[in-house]
Amino acid sequence: MIGSTATRPSGANDTGLPLAQDLLSGAEAIALFMFGEASEANKRKVYHAAQKLGLPTFRMGATLCARRSTILAWIERQESAA
């Protein structure tokens, strides 16, 4: 194995979380993580932030997905820039 990946547990990311715990699948899960509630308004906020504000998301098929760790890092960058 090359570099630090040899010491990382299988499926872990840079935060040490297993991928299954870091992955948010669907706008509802992302809204719940970011806003504490998965209302229709909050899901629309997620789509808007992904399309217009640079919220780091990706698609698996038709499902909008994101990583908790990546969203937290994005929020920290937004705070630093403010």
N, C-alpha and C. Protein backbone atom coordinates (compact mmCIF):
# COMPACT_ATOMS: atom_id res chain seq x y z
N MET A 1 0.84 -1.19 0.00
CA MET A 1 0.00 0.00 0.00
C MET A 1 0.88 1.24 0.00
N ILE A 2 0.30 2.35 -0.48
CA ILE A 2 1.06 3.58 -0.63
C ILE A 2 0.63 4.59 0.42
N GLY A 3 1.57 5.28 1.04
CA GLY A 3 1.30 6.40 1.94
C GLY A 3 0.49 6.03 3.16
N SER A 4 -0.33 7.00 3.62
CA SER A 4 -1.05 6.84 4.87
C SER A 4 -2.26 5.92 4.76
N THR A 5 -2.68 5.56 3.55
CA THR A 5 -3.83 4.69 3.44
C THR A 5 -3.57 3.32 4.03
N ALA A 6 -2.32 2.94 4.19
CA ALA A 6 -2.00 1.63 4.76
C ALA A 6 -2.40 1.54 6.22
N THR A 7 -2.42 2.66 6.94
CA THR A 7 -2.77 2.64 8.36
C THR A 7 -4.24 2.94 8.60
N ARG A 8 -4.96 3.33 7.57
CA ARG A 8 -6.37 3.69 7.70
C ARG A 8 -7.23 2.44 7.66
N PRO A 9 -8.25 2.33 8.53
CA PRO A 9 -9.14 1.18 8.47
C PRO A 9 -9.86 1.13 7.13
N SER A 10 -10.19 -0.05 6.70
CA SER A 10 -10.90 -0.21 5.43
C SER A 10 -12.20 0.57 5.44
N GLY A 11 -12.42 1.40 4.41
CA GLY A 11 -13.64 2.19 4.31
C GLY A 11 -13.63 3.47 5.09
N ALA A 12 -12.54 3.81 5.75
CA ALA A 12 -12.50 5.04 6.55
C ALA A 12 -12.06 6.21 5.68
N ASN A 13 -12.41 7.42 6.10
CA ASN A 13 -11.99 8.62 5.39
C ASN A 13 -10.98 9.37 6.24
N ASP A 14 -10.67 10.60 5.89
CA ASP A 14 -9.66 11.37 6.62
C ASP A 14 -10.05 11.67 8.06
N THR A 15 -11.35 11.65 8.38
CA THR A 15 -11.78 11.90 9.74
C THR A 15 -11.76 10.64 10.59
N GLY A 16 -11.54 9.50 9.95
CA GLY A 16 -11.54 8.24 10.67
C GLY A 16 -12.91 7.59 10.74
N LEU A 17 -13.95 8.28 10.25
CA LEU A 17 -15.28 7.69 10.24
C LEU A 17 -15.39 6.65 9.13
N PRO A 18 -16.06 5.54 9.40
CA PRO A 18 -16.36 4.63 8.30
C PRO A 18 -17.25 5.34 7.28
N LEU A 19 -17.10 5.00 6.03
CA LEU A 19 -17.87 5.66 4.98
C LEU A 19 -19.36 5.61 5.26
N ALA A 20 -19.85 4.51 5.76
CA ALA A 20 -21.29 4.37 6.03
C ALA A 20 -21.78 5.41 7.03
N GLN A 21 -20.93 5.83 7.97
CA GLN A 21 -21.32 6.84 8.95
C GLN A 21 -21.12 8.26 8.41
N ASP A 22 -20.23 8.42 7.45
CA ASP A 22 -19.92 9.75 6.90
C ASP A 22 -20.86 10.12 5.75
N LEU A 23 -21.41 9.14 5.08
CA LEU A 23 -22.21 9.38 3.88
C LEU A 23 -23.64 9.78 4.23
N LEU A 24 -24.10 10.85 3.61
CA LEU A 24 -25.50 11.28 3.71
C LEU A 24 -26.13 11.01 2.35
N SER A 25 -27.18 10.23 2.32
CA SER A 25 -27.81 9.85 1.07
C SER A 25 -29.20 10.47 0.97
N GLY A 26 -29.36 11.41 0.05
CA GLY A 26 -30.64 12.08 -0.17
C GLY A 26 -30.68 13.46 0.45
N ALA A 27 -31.45 14.34 -0.18
CA ALA A 27 -31.60 15.71 0.32
C ALA A 27 -32.21 15.73 1.71
N GLU A 28 -33.05 14.76 2.01
CA GLU A 28 -33.67 14.69 3.34
C GLU A 28 -32.61 14.46 4.41
N ALA A 29 -31.69 13.53 4.18
CA ALA A 29 -30.63 13.25 5.15
C ALA A 29 -29.69 14.45 5.30
N ILE A 30 -29.39 15.11 4.18
CA ILE A 30 -28.51 16.28 4.22
C ILE A 30 -29.19 17.41 5.00
N ALA A 31 -30.48 17.64 4.73
CA ALA A 31 -31.23 18.68 5.43
C ALA A 31 -31.31 18.39 6.93
N LEU A 32 -31.53 17.15 7.28
CA LEU A 32 -31.59 16.77 8.70
C LEU A 32 -30.26 17.05 9.38
N PHE A 33 -29.16 16.71 8.71
CA PHE A 33 -27.82 16.96 9.26
C PHE A 33 -27.54 18.45 9.40
N MET A 34 -27.87 19.23 8.38
CA MET A 34 -27.52 20.65 8.38
C MET A 34 -28.47 21.50 9.21
N PHE A 35 -29.76 21.20 9.16
CA PHE A 35 -30.76 22.08 9.77
C PHE A 35 -31.51 21.45 10.94
N GLY A 36 -31.30 20.16 11.18
CA GLY A 36 -31.97 19.50 12.29
C GLY A 36 -33.39 19.08 11.99
N GLU A 37 -33.84 19.35 10.78
CA GLU A 37 -35.19 18.99 10.38
C GLU A 37 -35.21 18.79 8.87
N ALA A 38 -35.91 17.78 8.42
CA ALA A 38 -35.93 17.46 6.99
C ALA A 38 -37.24 17.92 6.35
N SER A 39 -37.63 19.16 6.63
CA SER A 39 -38.86 19.70 6.03
C SER A 39 -38.65 19.95 4.54
N GLU A 40 -39.74 20.16 3.83
CA GLU A 40 -39.64 20.47 2.39
C GLU A 40 -38.84 21.73 2.17
N ALA A 41 -39.04 22.74 3.02
CA ALA A 41 -38.29 23.99 2.89
C ALA A 41 -36.79 23.76 3.07
N ASN A 42 -36.43 22.93 4.02
CA ASN A 42 -35.00 22.65 4.25
C ASN A 42 -34.41 21.82 3.13
N LYS A 43 -35.19 20.90 2.56
CA LYS A 43 -34.69 20.14 1.41
C LYS A 43 -34.46 21.09 0.22
N ARG A 44 -35.35 22.06 0.03
CA ARG A 44 -35.15 23.04 -1.04
C ARG A 44 -33.89 23.86 -0.78
N LYS A 45 -33.62 24.18 0.48
CA LYS A 45 -32.39 24.91 0.82
C LYS A 45 -31.16 24.10 0.45
N VAL A 46 -31.21 22.79 0.65
CA VAL A 46 -30.09 21.92 0.29
C VAL A 46 -29.86 21.97 -1.21
N TYR A 47 -30.91 21.80 -2.00
CA TYR A 47 -30.77 21.84 -3.46
C TYR A 47 -30.25 23.20 -3.91
N HIS A 48 -30.77 24.28 -3.32
CA HIS A 48 -30.30 25.62 -3.68
C HIS A 48 -28.82 25.78 -3.33
N ALA A 49 -28.43 25.36 -2.14
CA ALA A 49 -27.03 25.49 -1.72
C ALA A 49 -26.11 24.66 -2.62
N ALA A 50 -26.57 23.51 -3.04
CA ALA A 50 -25.76 22.66 -3.92
C ALA A 50 -25.61 23.29 -5.30
N GLN A 51 -26.68 23.89 -5.80
CA GLN A 51 -26.65 24.45 -7.16
C GLN A 51 -26.02 25.83 -7.22
N LYS A 52 -26.24 26.66 -6.21
CA LYS A 52 -25.85 28.07 -6.30
C LYS A 52 -24.73 28.50 -5.35
N LEU A 53 -24.58 27.81 -4.22
CA LEU A 53 -23.65 28.27 -3.19
C LEU A 53 -22.41 27.40 -3.03
N GLY A 54 -22.33 26.33 -3.79
CA GLY A 54 -21.14 25.49 -3.74
C GLY A 54 -21.14 24.42 -2.67
N LEU A 55 -22.32 24.10 -2.11
CA LEU A 55 -22.39 23.00 -1.15
C LEU A 55 -21.84 21.75 -1.82
N PRO A 56 -20.83 21.11 -1.24
CA PRO A 56 -20.19 19.97 -1.90
C PRO A 56 -21.07 18.71 -1.83
N THR A 57 -21.69 18.41 -2.95
CA THR A 57 -22.53 17.23 -3.08
C THR A 57 -22.12 16.47 -4.33
N PHE A 58 -22.63 15.28 -4.46
CA PHE A 58 -22.43 14.47 -5.66
C PHE A 58 -23.65 13.59 -5.83
N ARG A 59 -23.77 12.99 -6.97
CA ARG A 59 -24.92 12.14 -7.25
C ARG A 59 -24.49 10.68 -7.35
N MET A 60 -25.29 9.83 -6.76
CA MET A 60 -25.19 8.39 -6.98
C MET A 60 -26.50 8.03 -7.67
N GLY A 61 -26.42 7.91 -8.99
CA GLY A 61 -27.64 7.77 -9.77
C GLY A 61 -28.39 9.08 -9.70
N ALA A 62 -29.65 9.03 -9.31
CA ALA A 62 -30.47 10.23 -9.20
C ALA A 62 -30.45 10.81 -7.78
N THR A 63 -29.76 10.17 -6.86
CA THR A 63 -29.79 10.57 -5.45
C THR A 63 -28.67 11.55 -5.14
N LEU A 64 -29.03 12.69 -4.56
CA LEU A 64 -28.06 13.68 -4.11
C LEU A 64 -27.40 13.15 -2.83
N CYS A 65 -26.08 13.17 -2.79
CA CYS A 65 -25.33 12.65 -1.64
C CYS A 65 -24.27 13.65 -1.22
N ALA A 66 -23.80 13.50 -0.01
CA ALA A 66 -22.70 14.32 0.52
C ALA A 66 -22.07 13.57 1.68
N ARG A 67 -20.89 14.01 2.04
CA ARG A 67 -20.22 13.47 3.23
C ARG A 67 -20.35 14.47 4.36
N ARG A 68 -20.63 13.98 5.56
CA ARG A 68 -20.71 14.85 6.73
C ARG A 68 -19.42 15.65 6.88
N SER A 69 -18.29 14.97 6.77
CA SER A 69 -16.99 15.61 6.97
C SER A 69 -16.74 16.70 5.95
N THR A 70 -17.16 16.49 4.71
CA THR A 70 -16.96 17.49 3.66
C THR A 70 -17.86 18.70 3.90
N ILE A 71 -19.10 18.47 4.32
CA ILE A 71 -20.01 19.59 4.62
C ILE A 71 -19.46 20.41 5.78
N LEU A 72 -18.98 19.75 6.83
CA LEU A 72 -18.42 20.49 7.97
C LEU A 72 -17.22 21.33 7.56
N ALA A 73 -16.35 20.77 6.71
CA ALA A 73 -15.19 21.53 6.23
C ALA A 73 -15.64 22.72 5.38
N TRP A 74 -16.67 22.53 4.56
CA TRP A 74 -17.21 23.61 3.73
C TRP A 74 -17.77 24.73 4.61
N ILE A 75 -18.50 24.36 5.65
CA ILE A 75 -19.06 25.36 6.57
C ILE A 75 -17.92 26.13 7.26
N GLU A 76 -16.88 25.43 7.68
CA GLU A 76 -15.73 26.11 8.30
C GLU A 76 -15.09 27.10 7.35
N ARG A 77 -14.98 26.74 6.07
CA ARG A 77 -14.42 27.68 5.07
C ARG A 77 -15.33 28.89 4.90
N GLN A 78 -16.65 28.67 4.95
CA GLN A 78 -17.60 29.79 4.83
C GLN A 78 -17.44 30.73 6.02
N GLU A 79 -17.27 30.16 7.20
CA GLU A 79 -17.08 30.98 8.40
C GLU A 79 -15.78 31.80 8.32
N SER A 80 -14.73 31.17 7.84
CA SER A 80 -13.43 31.86 7.73
C SER A 80 -13.50 33.00 6.73
N ALA A 81 -14.27 32.82 5.66
CA ALA A 81 -14.37 33.84 4.63
C ALA A 81 -15.25 35.01 5.05
N ALA A 82 -16.09 34.82 6.04
CA ALA A 82 -17.04 35.87 6.46
C ALA A 82 -16.35 36.94 7.28
